[in-house]
Amino acid sequence: NKLWAGGEWLKASNVDNSQAWTAGLGYGNYDIAKKGTWDVKGQYFNQKANAPIVSSTWDQAYDLTNTSNGYKGYMASVDYAVQDNVGLSAGYGFNSKDQSGNDLSDFYRAELNYKF
């Protein structure tokens, strides 16, 4: 098993209020090709109102398509290889707020992935 720490920052050129960043920690050794491997992660997201994040297929419940006030909140996720080349992933977003501090709904996502 390994410990993971990471982050990312972005900004759209010449666009006000377009910064976004994320930071997180994780632990595990998930490899979809190896049955029984797993990992867990905790992440924090902070996106200003004009951050260039649009309709992601990953884990963005709030982006430019459904909130004009930005987003900040936490996400906990887990990945588990149920069989070789078959992975189950689940995530839960919580303590979500817009940039003005107004509460947003918690969200969750689960997916089953196959590697060919």
PDB file of N, CA and C in Angstrom:
ATOM      1  N   ASN A   1       0.836  -1.187   0.000  1.00  0.00           N
ATOM      2  CA  ASN A   1       0.000   0.000   0.000  1.00  0.00           C
ATOM      3  C   ASN A   1       0.876   1.243   0.000  1.00  0.00           C
ATOM      4  N   LYS A   2       0.335   2.307  -0.545  1.00  0.00           N
ATOM      5  CA  LYS A   2       1.107   3.539  -0.589  1.00  0.00           C
ATOM      6  C   LYS A   2       0.249   4.728  -0.189  1.00  0.00           C
ATOM      7  N   LEU A   3       0.916   5.752   0.299  1.00  0.00           N
ATOM      8  CA  LEU A   3       0.270   7.005   0.648  1.00  0.00           C
ATOM      9  C   LEU A   3       0.402   7.950  -0.538  1.00  0.00           C
ATOM     10  N   TRP A   4      -0.658   8.646  -0.856  1.00  0.00           N
ATOM     11  CA  TRP A   4      -0.691   9.556  -1.989  1.00  0.00           C
ATOM     12  C   TRP A   4      -1.079  10.946  -1.512  1.00  0.00           C
ATOM     13  N   ALA A   5      -0.434  11.976  -2.019  1.00  0.00           N
ATOM     14  CA  ALA A   5      -0.810  13.367  -1.769  1.00  0.00           C
ATOM     15  C   ALA A   5      -0.700  14.098  -3.095  1.00  0.00           C
ATOM     16  N   GLY A   6      -1.674  14.929  -3.400  1.00  0.00           N
ATOM     17  CA  GLY A   6      -1.636  15.621  -4.674  1.00  0.00           C
ATOM     18  C   GLY A   6      -2.498  16.856  -4.681  1.00  0.00           C
ATOM     19  N   GLY A   7      -2.338  17.631  -5.724  1.00  0.00           N
ATOM     20  CA  GLY A   7      -3.128  18.832  -5.891  1.00  0.00           C
ATOM     21  C   GLY A   7      -3.018  19.342  -7.313  1.00  0.00           C
ATOM     22  N   GLU A   8      -3.882  20.267  -7.639  1.00  0.00           N
ATOM     23  CA  GLU A   8      -3.878  20.857  -8.971  1.00  0.00           C
ATOM     24  C   GLU A   8      -4.466  22.259  -8.878  1.00  0.00           C
ATOM     25  N   TRP A   9      -3.952  23.174  -9.686  1.00  0.00           N
ATOM     26  CA  TRP A   9      -4.438  24.546  -9.736  1.00  0.00           C
ATOM     27  C   TRP A   9      -4.590  24.937 -11.197  1.00  0.00           C
ATOM     28  N   LEU A  10      -5.627  25.714 -11.501  1.00  0.00           N
ATOM     29  CA  LEU A  10      -5.802  26.203 -12.865  1.00  0.00           C
ATOM     30  C   LEU A  10      -6.464  27.564 -12.846  1.00  0.00           C
ATOM     31  N   LYS A  11      -6.313  28.278 -13.962  1.00  0.00           N
ATOM     32  CA  LYS A  11      -6.949  29.573 -14.163  1.00  0.00           C
ATOM     33  C   LYS A  11      -7.090  29.788 -15.654  1.00  0.00           C
ATOM     34  N   ALA A  12      -8.243  30.300 -16.073  1.00  0.00           N
ATOM     35  CA  ALA A  12      -8.439  30.658 -17.474  1.00  0.00           C
ATOM     36  C   ALA A  12      -7.760  32.003 -17.733  1.00  0.00           C
ATOM     37  N   SER A  13      -7.025  32.104 -18.817  1.00  0.00           N
ATOM     38  CA  SER A  13      -6.339  33.348 -19.160  1.00  0.00           C
ATOM     39  C   SER A  13      -7.331  34.469 -19.397  1.00  0.00           C
ATOM     40  N   ASN A  14      -7.047  35.623 -18.832  1.00  0.00           N
ATOM     41  CA  ASN A  14      -7.837  36.840 -19.048  1.00  0.00           C
ATOM     42  C   ASN A  14      -9.303  36.704 -18.664  1.00  0.00           C
ATOM     43  N   VAL A  15      -9.621  35.842 -17.698  1.00  0.00           N
ATOM     44  CA  VAL A  15     -11.002  35.678 -17.225  1.00  0.00           C
ATOM     45  C   VAL A  15     -11.002  35.882 -15.711  1.00  0.00           C
ATOM     46  N   ASP A  16     -11.805  36.839 -15.231  1.00  0.00           N
ATOM     47  CA  ASP A  16     -11.908  37.082 -13.792  1.00  0.00           C
ATOM     48  C   ASP A  16     -12.595  35.915 -13.089  1.00  0.00           C
ATOM     49  N   ASN A  17     -12.266  35.692 -11.839  1.00  0.00           N
ATOM     50  CA  ASN A  17     -12.886  34.647 -11.014  1.00  0.00           C
ATOM     51  C   ASN A  17     -12.866  33.277 -11.685  1.00  0.00           C
ATOM     52  N   SER A  18     -11.730  32.906 -12.254  1.00  0.00           N
ATOM     53  CA  SER A  18     -11.657  31.631 -12.980  1.00  0.00           C
ATOM     54  C   SER A  18     -10.690  30.632 -12.350  1.00  0.00           C
ATOM     55  N   GLN A  19     -10.189  30.926 -11.160  1.00  0.00           N
ATOM     56  CA  GLN A  19      -9.260  30.007 -10.507  1.00  0.00           C
ATOM     57  C   GLN A  19     -10.006  28.795  -9.950  1.00  0.00           C
ATOM     58  N   ALA A  20      -9.306  27.685  -9.944  1.00  0.00           N
ATOM     59  CA  ALA A  20      -9.821  26.469  -9.308  1.00  0.00           C
ATOM     60  C   ALA A  20      -8.624  25.687  -8.781  1.00  0.00           C
ATOM     61  N   TRP A  21      -8.834  25.000  -7.660  1.00  0.00           N
ATOM     62  CA  TRP A  21      -7.774  24.151  -7.143  1.00  0.00           C
ATOM     63  C   TRP A  21      -8.371  22.987  -6.368  1.00  0.00           C
ATOM     64  N   THR A  22      -7.581  21.956  -6.255  1.00  0.00           N
ATOM     65  CA  THR A  22      -7.960  20.785  -5.477  1.00  0.00           C
ATOM     66  C   THR A  22      -6.724  20.255  -4.762  1.00  0.00           C
ATOM     67  N   ALA A  23      -6.944  19.643  -3.617  1.00  0.00           N
ATOM     68  CA  ALA A  23      -5.865  18.998  -2.869  1.00  0.00           C
ATOM     69  C   ALA A  23      -6.448  17.752  -2.217  1.00  0.00           C
ATOM     70  N   GLY A  24      -5.620  16.724  -2.078  1.00  0.00           N
ATOM     71  CA  GLY A  24      -6.144  15.503  -1.484  1.00  0.00           C
ATOM     72  C   GLY A  24      -5.072  14.572  -0.965  1.00  0.00           C
ATOM     73  N   LEU A  25      -5.542  13.600  -0.190  1.00  0.00           N
ATOM     74  CA  LEU A  25      -4.712  12.525   0.342  1.00  0.00           C
ATOM     75  C   LEU A  25      -5.384  11.200   0.036  1.00  0.00           C
ATOM     76  N   GLY A  26      -4.589  10.178  -0.167  1.00  0.00           N
ATOM     77  CA  GLY A  26      -5.141   8.856  -0.411  1.00  0.00           C
ATOM     78  C   GLY A  26      -4.226   7.775   0.130  1.00  0.00           C
ATOM     79  N   TYR A  27      -4.781   6.575   0.217  1.00  0.00           N
ATOM     80  CA  TYR A  27      -4.013   5.437   0.699  1.00  0.00           C
ATOM     81  C   TYR A  27      -4.531   4.181   0.021  1.00  0.00           C
ATOM     82  N   GLY A  28      -3.627   3.316  -0.401  1.00  0.00           N
ATOM     83  CA  GLY A  28      -4.019   2.045  -0.992  1.00  0.00           C
ATOM     84  C   GLY A  28      -3.130   1.680  -2.161  1.00  0.00           C
ATOM     85  N   ASN A  29      -3.530   0.633  -2.877  1.00  0.00           N
ATOM     86  CA  ASN A  29      -2.760   0.170  -4.033  1.00  0.00           C
ATOM     87  C   ASN A  29      -3.690  -0.293  -5.149  1.00  0.00           C
ATOM     88  N   TYR A  30      -4.775   0.428  -5.377  1.00  0.00           N
ATOM     89  CA  TYR A  30      -5.764   0.033  -6.377  1.00  0.00           C
ATOM     90  C   TYR A  30      -5.131  -0.144  -7.752  1.00  0.00           C
ATOM     91  N   ASP A  31      -5.402  -1.280  -8.352  1.00  0.00           N
ATOM     92  CA  ASP A  31      -5.008  -1.584  -9.726  1.00  0.00           C
ATOM     93  C   ASP A  31      -6.147  -2.401 -10.312  1.00  0.00           C
ATOM     94  N   ILE A  32      -6.903  -1.824 -11.226  1.00  0.00           N
ATOM     95  CA  ILE A  32      -8.086  -2.495 -11.769  1.00  0.00           C
ATOM     96  C   ILE A  32      -7.746  -3.874 -12.336  1.00  0.00           C
ATOM     97  N   ALA A  33      -6.505  -4.092 -12.734  1.00  0.00           N
ATOM     98  CA  ALA A  33      -6.110  -5.384 -13.302  1.00  0.00           C
ATOM     99  C   ALA A  33      -5.878  -6.461 -12.243  1.00  0.00           C
ATOM    100  N   LYS A  34      -5.876  -6.080 -10.949  1.00  0.00           N
ATOM    101  CA  LYS A  34      -5.561  -7.044  -9.889  1.00  0.00           C
ATOM    102  C   LYS A  34      -6.688  -7.129  -8.872  1.00  0.00           C
ATOM    103  N   LYS A  35      -7.402  -8.243  -8.887  1.00  0.00           N
ATOM    104  CA  LYS A  35      -8.505  -8.483  -7.954  1.00  0.00           C
ATOM    105  C   LYS A  35      -8.061  -8.259  -6.508  1.00  0.00           C
ATOM    106  N   GLY A  36      -8.933  -7.605  -5.739  1.00  0.00           N
ATOM    107  CA  GLY A  36      -8.696  -7.403  -4.319  1.00  0.00           C
ATOM    108  C   GLY A  36      -7.925  -6.141  -3.959  1.00  0.00           C
ATOM    109  N   THR A  37      -7.419  -5.409  -4.942  1.00  0.00           N
ATOM    110  CA  THR A  37      -6.711  -4.169  -4.623  1.00  0.00           C
ATOM    111  C   THR A  37      -7.715  -3.044  -4.398  1.00  0.00           C
ATOM    112  N   TRP A  38      -7.300  -2.038  -3.623  1.00  0.00           N
ATOM    113  CA  TRP A  38      -8.230  -0.977  -3.243  1.00  0.00           C
ATOM    114  C   TRP A  38      -7.459   0.300  -2.911  1.00  0.00           C
ATOM    115  N   ASP A  39      -8.183   1.399  -2.845  1.00  0.00           N
ATOM    116  CA  ASP A  39      -7.656   2.634  -2.282  1.00  0.00           C
ATOM    117  C   ASP A  39      -8.797   3.504  -1.775  1.00  0.00           C
ATOM    118  N   VAL A  40      -8.457   4.450  -0.921  1.00  0.00           N
ATOM    119  CA  VAL A  40      -9.406   5.439  -0.409  1.00  0.00           C
ATOM    120  C   VAL A  40      -8.765   6.814  -0.580  1.00  0.00           C
ATOM    121  N   LYS A  41      -9.610   7.834  -0.814  1.00  0.00           N
ATOM    122  CA  LYS A  41      -9.112   9.189  -1.012  1.00  0.00           C
ATOM    123  C   LYS A  41     -10.031  10.187  -0.340  1.00  0.00           C
ATOM    124  N   GLY A  42      -9.458  11.278   0.098  1.00  0.00           N
ATOM    125  CA  GLY A  42     -10.202  12.436   0.565  1.00  0.00           C
ATOM    126  C   GLY A  42      -9.674  13.651  -0.176  1.00  0.00           C
ATOM    127  N   GLN A  43     -10.574  14.460  -0.742  1.00  0.00           N
ATOM    128  CA  GLN A  43     -10.155  15.607  -1.533  1.00  0.00           C
ATOM    129  C   GLN A  43     -10.984  16.837  -1.186  1.00  0.00           C
ATOM    130  N   TYR A  44     -10.387  18.013  -1.394  1.00  0.00           N
ATOM    131  CA  TYR A  44     -11.081  19.282  -1.248  1.00  0.00           C
ATOM    132  C   TYR A  44     -11.025  19.993  -2.593  1.00  0.00           C
ATOM    133  N   PHE A  45     -12.154  20.549  -3.023  1.00  0.00           N
ATOM    134  CA  PHE A  45     -12.252  21.278  -4.281  1.00  0.00           C
ATOM    135  C   PHE A  45     -12.660  22.717  -4.000  1.00  0.00           C
ATOM    136  N   ASN A  46     -12.080  23.668  -4.731  1.00  0.00           N
ATOM    137  CA  ASN A  46     -12.455  25.071  -4.618  1.00  0.00           C
ATOM    138  C   ASN A  46     -12.427  25.674  -6.015  1.00  0.00           C
ATOM    139  N   GLN A  47     -13.599  25.999  -6.541  1.00  0.00           N
ATOM    140  CA  GLN A  47     -13.738  26.499  -7.905  1.00  0.00           C
ATOM    141  C   GLN A  47     -14.462  27.838  -7.885  1.00  0.00           C
ATOM    142  N   LYS A  48     -13.834  28.868  -8.426  1.00  0.00           N
ATOM    143  CA  LYS A  48     -14.490  30.171  -8.540  1.00  0.00           C
ATOM    144  C   LYS A  48     -15.584  30.097  -9.601  1.00  0.00           C
ATOM    145  N   ALA A  49     -16.401  31.133  -9.667  1.00  0.00           N
ATOM    146  CA  ALA A  49     -17.598  31.127 -10.518  1.00  0.00           C
ATOM    147  C   ALA A  49     -17.303  30.883 -11.996  1.00  0.00           C
ATOM    148  N   ASN A  50     -16.184  31.375 -12.510  1.00  0.00           N
ATOM    149  CA  ASN A  50     -15.881  31.230 -13.938  1.00  0.00           C
ATOM    150  C   ASN A  50     -14.779  30.217 -14.219  1.00  0.00           C
ATOM    151  N   ALA A  51     -14.540  29.312 -13.294  1.00  0.00           N
ATOM    152  CA  ALA A  51     -13.518  28.279 -13.515  1.00  0.00           C
ATOM    153  C   ALA A  51     -13.911  27.437 -14.730  1.00  0.00           C
ATOM    154  N   PRO A  52     -12.950  27.139 -15.605  1.00  0.00           N
ATOM    155  CA  PRO A  52     -13.262  26.420 -16.847  1.00  0.00           C
ATOM    156  C   PRO A  52     -13.438  24.916 -16.635  1.00  0.00           C
ATOM    157  N   ILE A  53     -14.428  24.556 -15.831  1.00  0.00           N
ATOM    158  CA  ILE A  53     -14.742  23.153 -15.557  1.00  0.00           C
ATOM    159  C   ILE A  53     -16.175  22.938 -16.015  1.00  0.00           C
ATOM    160  N   VAL A  54     -16.356  22.158 -17.074  1.00  0.00           N
ATOM    161  CA  VAL A  54     -17.671  22.031 -17.688  1.00  0.00           C
ATOM    162  C   VAL A  54     -18.042  20.560 -17.853  1.00  0.00           C
ATOM    163  N   SER A  55     -19.154  20.149 -17.251  1.00  0.00           N
ATOM    164  CA  SER A  55     -19.761  18.824 -17.453  1.00  0.00           C
ATOM    165  C   SER A  55     -18.758  17.686 -17.497  1.00  0.00           C
ATOM    166  N   SER A  56     -17.993  17.558 -16.453  1.00  0.00           N
ATOM    167  CA  SER A  56     -17.028  16.477 -16.362  1.00  0.00           C
ATOM    168  C   SER A  56     -17.742  15.139 -16.209  1.00  0.00           C
ATOM    169  N   THR A  57     -17.142  14.090 -16.705  1.00  0.00           N
ATOM    170  CA  THR A  57     -17.689  12.751 -16.485  1.00  0.00           C
ATOM    171  C   THR A  57     -17.027  12.096 -15.286  1.00  0.00           C
ATOM    172  N   TRP A  58     -16.205  12.840 -14.557  1.00  0.00           N
ATOM    173  CA  TRP A  58     -15.531  12.247 -13.403  1.00  0.00           C
ATOM    174  C   TRP A  58     -16.358  12.469 -12.158  1.00  0.00           C
ATOM    175  N   ASP A  59     -16.149  13.512 -11.399  1.00  0.00           N
ATOM    176  CA  ASP A  59     -16.904  13.647 -10.158  1.00  0.00           C
ATOM    177  C   ASP A  59     -17.381  15.062  -9.863  1.00  0.00           C
ATOM    178  N   GLN A  60     -17.527  15.892 -10.878  1.00  0.00           N
ATOM    179  CA  GLN A  60     -17.965  17.263 -10.645  1.00  0.00           C
ATOM    180  C   GLN A  60     -19.481  17.358 -10.668  1.00  0.00           C
ATOM    181  N   ALA A  61     -20.069  17.487  -9.504  1.00  0.00           N
ATOM    182  CA  ALA A  61     -21.520  17.672  -9.445  1.00  0.00           C
ATOM    183  C   ALA A  61     -21.888  19.113  -9.729  1.00  0.00           C
ATOM    184  N   TYR A  62     -20.982  20.034  -9.435  1.00  0.00           N
ATOM    185  CA  TYR A  62     -21.242  21.454  -9.644  1.00  0.00           C
ATOM    186  C   TYR A  62     -20.173  22.004 -10.567  1.00  0.00           C
ATOM    187  N   ASP A  63     -20.591  22.559 -11.689  1.00  0.00           N
ATOM    188  CA  ASP A  63     -19.661  23.132 -12.653  1.00  0.00           C
ATOM    189  C   ASP A  63     -20.348  24.294 -13.355  1.00  0.00           C
ATOM    190  N   LEU A  64     -19.769  24.787 -14.433  1.00  0.00           N
ATOM    191  CA  LEU A  64     -20.331  25.941 -15.137  1.00  0.00           C
ATOM    192  C   LEU A  64     -21.726  25.678 -15.693  1.00  0.00           C
ATOM    193  N   THR A  65     -22.118  24.420 -15.833  1.00  0.00           N
ATOM    194  CA  THR A  65     -23.437  24.133 -16.407  1.00  0.00           C
ATOM    195  C   THR A  65     -24.556  24.157 -15.384  1.00  0.00           C
ATOM    196  N   ASN A  66     -24.250  24.113 -14.082  1.00  0.00           N
ATOM    197  CA  ASN A  66     -25.355  24.064 -13.121  1.00  0.00           C
ATOM    198  C   ASN A  66     -25.161  24.920 -11.874  1.00  0.00           C
ATOM    199  N   THR A  67     -24.159  25.763 -11.829  1.00  0.00           N
ATOM    200  CA  THR A  67     -24.074  26.789 -10.784  1.00  0.00           C
ATOM    201  C   THR A  67     -23.236  27.933 -11.323  1.00  0.00           C
ATOM    202  N   SER A  68     -23.696  29.138 -11.097  1.00  0.00           N
ATOM    203  CA  SER A  68     -22.937  30.302 -11.571  1.00  0.00           C
ATOM    204  C   SER A  68     -22.199  30.978 -10.430  1.00  0.00           C
ATOM    205  N   ASN A  69     -22.197  30.363  -9.271  1.00  0.00           N
ATOM    206  CA  ASN A  69     -21.559  30.959  -8.100  1.00  0.00           C
ATOM    207  C   ASN A  69     -20.361  30.165  -7.610  1.00  0.00           C
ATOM    208  N   GLY A  70     -19.821  29.278  -8.433  1.00  0.00           N
ATOM    209  CA  GLY A  70     -18.671  28.490  -8.035  1.00  0.00           C
ATOM    210  C   GLY A  70     -19.044  27.358  -7.087  1.00  0.00           C
ATOM    211  N   TYR A  71     -18.013  26.704  -6.580  1.00  0.00           N
ATOM    212  CA  TYR A  71     -18.218  25.531  -5.736  1.00  0.00           C
ATOM    213  C   TYR A  71     -17.010  25.347  -4.830  1.00  0.00           C
ATOM    214  N   LYS A  72     -17.261  24.885  -3.618  1.00  0.00           N
ATOM    215  CA  LYS A  72     -16.197  24.412  -2.735  1.00  0.00           C
ATOM    216  C   LYS A  72     -16.778  23.323  -1.851  1.00  0.00           C
ATOM    217  N   GLY A  73     -16.002  22.276  -1.626  1.00  0.00           N
ATOM    218  CA  GLY A  73     -16.490  21.174  -0.812  1.00  0.00           C
ATOM    219  C   GLY A  73     -15.523  20.011  -0.813  1.00  0.00           C
ATOM    220  N   TYR A  74     -15.906  18.967  -0.110  1.00  0.00           N
ATOM    221  CA  TYR A  74     -15.070  17.791   0.101  1.00  0.00           C
ATOM    222  C   TYR A  74     -15.641  16.587  -0.631  1.00  0.00           C
ATOM    223  N   MET A  75     -14.760  15.631  -0.922  1.00  0.00           N
ATOM    224  CA  MET A  75     -15.196  14.375  -1.518  1.00  0.00           C
ATOM    225  C   MET A  75     -14.376  13.232  -0.935  1.00  0.00           C
ATOM    226  N   ALA A  76     -15.068  12.177  -0.529  1.00  0.00           N
ATOM    227  CA  ALA A  76     -14.427  10.940  -0.085  1.00  0.00           C
ATOM    228  C   ALA A  76     -14.737   9.876  -1.129  1.00  0.00           C
ATOM    229  N   SER A  77     -13.748   9.083  -1.492  1.00  0.00           N
ATOM    230  CA  SER A  77     -13.985   8.066  -2.513  1.00  0.00           C
ATOM    231  C   SER A  77     -13.211   6.793  -2.198  1.00  0.00           C
ATOM    232  N   VAL A  78     -13.687   5.715  -2.792  1.00  0.00           N
ATOM    233  CA  VAL A  78     -13.060   4.407  -2.632  1.00  0.00           C
ATOM    234  C   VAL A  78     -13.093   3.688  -3.976  1.00  0.00           C
ATOM    235  N   ASP A  79     -12.035   2.944  -4.267  1.00  0.00           N
ATOM    236  CA  ASP A  79     -11.952   2.106  -5.466  1.00  0.00           C
ATOM    237  C   ASP A  79     -11.617   0.691  -5.013  1.00  0.00           C
ATOM    238  N   TYR A  80     -12.244  -0.298  -5.659  1.00  0.00           N
ATOM    239  CA  TYR A  80     -11.993  -1.694  -5.305  1.00  0.00           C
ATOM    240  C   TYR A  80     -12.082  -2.552  -6.561  1.00  0.00           C
ATOM    241  N   ALA A  81     -11.088  -3.411  -6.782  1.00  0.00           N
ATOM    242  CA  ALA A  81     -11.094  -4.331  -7.922  1.00  0.00           C
ATOM    243  C   ALA A  81     -11.819  -5.609  -7.510  1.00  0.00           C
ATOM    244  N   VAL A  82     -13.055  -5.781  -7.980  1.00  0.00           N
ATOM    245  CA  VAL A  82     -13.864  -6.935  -7.582  1.00  0.00           C
ATOM    246  C   VAL A  82     -13.437  -8.216  -8.299  1.00  0.00           C
ATOM    247  N   GLN A  83     -12.886  -8.090  -9.468  1.00  0.00           N
ATOM    248  CA  GLN A  83     -12.309  -9.178 -10.256  1.00  0.00           C
ATOM    249  C   GLN A  83     -11.157  -8.572 -11.042  1.00  0.00           C
ATOM    250  N   ASP A  84     -10.297  -9.397 -11.618  1.00  0.00           N
ATOM    251  CA  ASP A  84      -9.284  -8.849 -12.511  1.00  0.00           C
ATOM    252  C   ASP A  84      -9.988  -8.068 -13.611  1.00  0.00           C
ATOM    253  N   ASN A  85      -9.574  -6.836 -13.819  1.00  0.00           N
ATOM    254  CA  ASN A  85     -10.093  -5.950 -14.865  1.00  0.00           C
ATOM    255  C   ASN A  85     -11.530  -5.485 -14.654  1.00  0.00           C
ATOM    256  N   VAL A  86     -12.047  -5.596 -13.435  1.00  0.00           N
ATOM    257  CA  VAL A  86     -13.383  -5.080 -13.094  1.00  0.00           C
ATOM    258  C   VAL A  86     -13.256  -4.289 -11.795  1.00  0.00           C
ATOM    259  N   GLY A  87     -13.550  -2.998 -11.867  1.00  0.00           N
ATOM    260  CA  GLY A  87     -13.405  -2.143 -10.693  1.00  0.00           C
ATOM    261  C   GLY A  87     -14.702  -1.460 -10.308  1.00  0.00           C
ATOM    262  N   LEU A  88     -14.898  -1.304  -9.019  1.00  0.00           N
ATOM    263  CA  LEU A  88     -16.041  -0.582  -8.477  1.00  0.00           C
ATOM    264  C   LEU A  88     -15.504   0.678  -7.808  1.00  0.00           C
ATOM    265  N   SER A  89     -16.073   1.820  -8.160  1.00  0.00           N
ATOM    266  CA  SER A  89     -15.671   3.094  -7.566  1.00  0.00           C
ATOM    267  C   SER A  89     -16.898   3.785  -7.009  1.00  0.00           C
ATOM    268  N   ALA A  90     -16.740   4.432  -5.866  1.00  0.00           N
ATOM    269  CA  ALA A  90     -17.841   5.176  -5.259  1.00  0.00           C
ATOM    270  C   ALA A  90     -17.276   6.439  -4.626  1.00  0.00           C
ATOM    271  N   GLY A  91     -18.059   7.506  -4.702  1.00  0.00           N
ATOM    272  CA  GLY A  91     -17.641   8.768  -4.111  1.00  0.00           C
ATOM    273  C   GLY A  91     -18.810   9.487  -3.475  1.00  0.00           C
ATOM    274  N   TYR A  92     -18.516  10.277  -2.452  1.00  0.00           N
ATOM    275  CA  TYR A  92     -19.529  11.054  -1.751  1.00  0.00           C
ATOM    276  C   TYR A  92     -19.008  12.469  -1.551  1.00  0.00           C
ATOM    277  N   GLY A  93     -19.707  13.449  -2.100  1.00  0.00           N
ATOM    278  CA  GLY A  93     -19.360  14.854  -1.935  1.00  0.00           C
ATOM    279  C   GLY A  93     -20.184  15.451  -0.812  1.00  0.00           C
ATOM    280  N   PHE A  94     -19.528  16.166   0.089  1.00  0.00           N
ATOM    281  CA  PHE A  94     -20.242  16.676   1.260  1.00  0.00           C
ATOM    282  C   PHE A  94     -19.699  18.042   1.670  1.00  0.00           C
ATOM    283  N   ASN A  95     -20.456  18.705   2.547  1.00  0.00           N
ATOM    284  CA  ASN A  95     -20.134  20.053   3.010  1.00  0.00           C
ATOM    285  C   ASN A  95     -19.927  20.990   1.825  1.00  0.00           C
ATOM    286  N   SER A  96     -20.764  20.836   0.812  1.00  0.00           N
ATOM    287  CA  SER A  96     -20.660  21.618  -0.412  1.00  0.00           C
ATOM    288  C   SER A  96     -21.311  22.982  -0.240  1.00  0.00           C
ATOM    289  N   LYS A  97     -20.631  24.003  -0.767  1.00  0.00           N
ATOM    290  CA  LYS A  97     -21.141  25.373  -0.712  1.00  0.00           C
ATOM    291  C   LYS A  97     -20.769  26.084  -2.003  1.00  0.00           C
ATOM    292  N   ASP A  98     -21.510  27.148  -2.329  1.00  0.00           N
ATOM    293  CA  ASP A  98     -21.048  27.998  -3.414  1.00  0.00           C
ATOM    294  C   ASP A  98     -20.040  28.991  -2.840  1.00  0.00           C
ATOM    295  N   GLN A  99     -19.463  29.833  -3.677  1.00  0.00           N
ATOM    296  CA  GLN A  99     -18.425  30.746  -3.209  1.00  0.00           C
ATOM    297  C   GLN A  99     -18.953  31.826  -2.264  1.00  0.00           C
ATOM    298  N   SER A 100     -20.264  32.006  -2.205  1.00  0.00           N
ATOM    299  CA  SER A 100     -20.860  32.953  -1.258  1.00  0.00           C
ATOM    300  C   SER A 100     -21.159  32.305   0.087  1.00  0.00           C
ATOM    301  N   GLY A 101     -20.924  31.000   0.203  1.00  0.00           N
ATOM    302  CA  GLY A 101     -21.162  30.289   1.455  1.00  0.00           C
ATOM    303  C   GLY A 101     -22.531  29.656   1.574  1.00  0.00           C
ATOM    304  N   ASN A 102     -23.344  29.721   0.519  1.00  0.00           N
ATOM    305  CA  ASN A 102     -24.667  29.087   0.540  1.00  0.00           C
ATOM    306  C   ASN A 102     -24.523  27.577   0.409  1.00  0.00           C
ATOM    307  N   ASP A 103     -25.294  26.842   1.200  1.00  0.00           N
ATOM    308  CA  ASP A 103     -25.239  25.381   1.160  1.00  0.00           C
ATOM    309  C   ASP A 103     -25.701  24.841  -0.183  1.00  0.00           C
ATOM    310  N   LEU A 104     -25.000  23.814  -0.660  1.00  0.00           N
ATOM    311  CA  LEU A 104     -25.389  23.058  -1.846  1.00  0.00           C
ATOM    312  C   LEU A 104     -25.628  21.617  -1.411  1.00  0.00           C
ATOM    313  N   SER A 105     -26.363  20.884  -2.193  1.00  0.00           N
ATOM    314  CA  SER A 105     -26.680  19.496  -1.857  1.00  0.00           C
ATOM    315  C   SER A 105     -25.432  18.623  -1.853  1.00  0.00           C
ATOM    316  N   ASP A 106     -25.416  17.641  -0.955  1.00  0.00           N
ATOM    317  CA  ASP A 106     -24.403  16.601  -1.020  1.00  0.00           C
ATOM    318  C   ASP A 106     -24.679  15.772  -2.268  1.00  0.00           C
ATOM    319  N   PHE A 107     -23.686  15.040  -2.734  1.00  0.00           N
ATOM    320  CA  PHE A 107     -23.889  14.198  -3.910  1.00  0.00           C
ATOM    321  C   PHE A 107     -23.098  12.909  -3.750  1.00  0.00           C
ATOM    322  N   TYR A 108     -23.477  11.917  -4.524  1.00  0.00           N
ATOM    323  CA  TYR A 108     -22.759  10.649  -4.516  1.00  0.00           C
ATOM    324  C   TYR A 108     -22.744  10.087  -5.919  1.00  0.00           C
ATOM    325  N   ARG A 109     -21.793   9.191  -6.146  1.00  0.00           N
ATOM    326  CA  ARG A 109     -21.669   8.567  -7.458  1.00  0.00           C
ATOM    327  C   ARG A 109     -21.049   7.190  -7.263  1.00  0.00           C
ATOM    328  N   ALA A 110     -21.553   6.220  -7.985  1.00  0.00           N
ATOM    329  CA  ALA A 110     -20.969   4.880  -8.002  1.00  0.00           C
ATOM    330  C   ALA A 110     -20.855   4.447  -9.452  1.00  0.00           C
ATOM    331  N   GLU A 111     -19.809   3.729  -9.761  1.00  0.00           N
ATOM    332  CA  GLU A 111     -19.629   3.265 -11.136  1.00  0.00           C
ATOM    333  C   GLU A 111     -18.909   1.925 -11.151  1.00  0.00           C
ATOM    334  N   LEU A 112     -19.214   1.152 -12.147  1.00  0.00           N
ATOM    335  CA  LEU A 112     -18.568  -0.133 -12.386  1.00  0.00           C
ATOM    336  C   LEU A 112     -17.763   0.012 -13.668  1.00  0.00           C
ATOM    337  N   ASN A 113     -16.471  -0.277 -13.611  1.00  0.00           N
ATOM    338  CA  ASN A 113     -15.577  -0.091 -14.753  1.00  0.00           C
ATOM    339  C   ASN A 113     -14.996  -1.425 -15.197  1.00  0.00           C
ATOM    340  N   TYR A 114     -14.879  -1.583 -16.499  1.00  0.00           N
ATOM    341  CA  TYR A 114     -14.283  -2.772 -17.101  1.00  0.00           C
ATOM    342  C   TYR A 114     -13.057  -2.358 -17.894  1.00  0.00           C
ATOM    343  N   LYS A 115     -11.974  -3.085 -17.751  1.00  0.00           N
ATOM    344  CA  LYS A 115     -10.760  -2.817 -18.512  1.00  0.00           C
ATOM    345  C   LYS A 115     -10.603  -3.903 -19.566  1.00  0.00           C
ATOM    346  N   PHE A 116     -10.460  -3.493 -20.803  1.00  0.00           N
ATOM    347  CA  PHE A 116     -10.306  -4.443 -21.917  1.00  0.00           C
ATOM    348  C   PHE A 116      -8.888  -4.447 -22.411  1.00  0.00           C
TER     349      PHE A 116
END
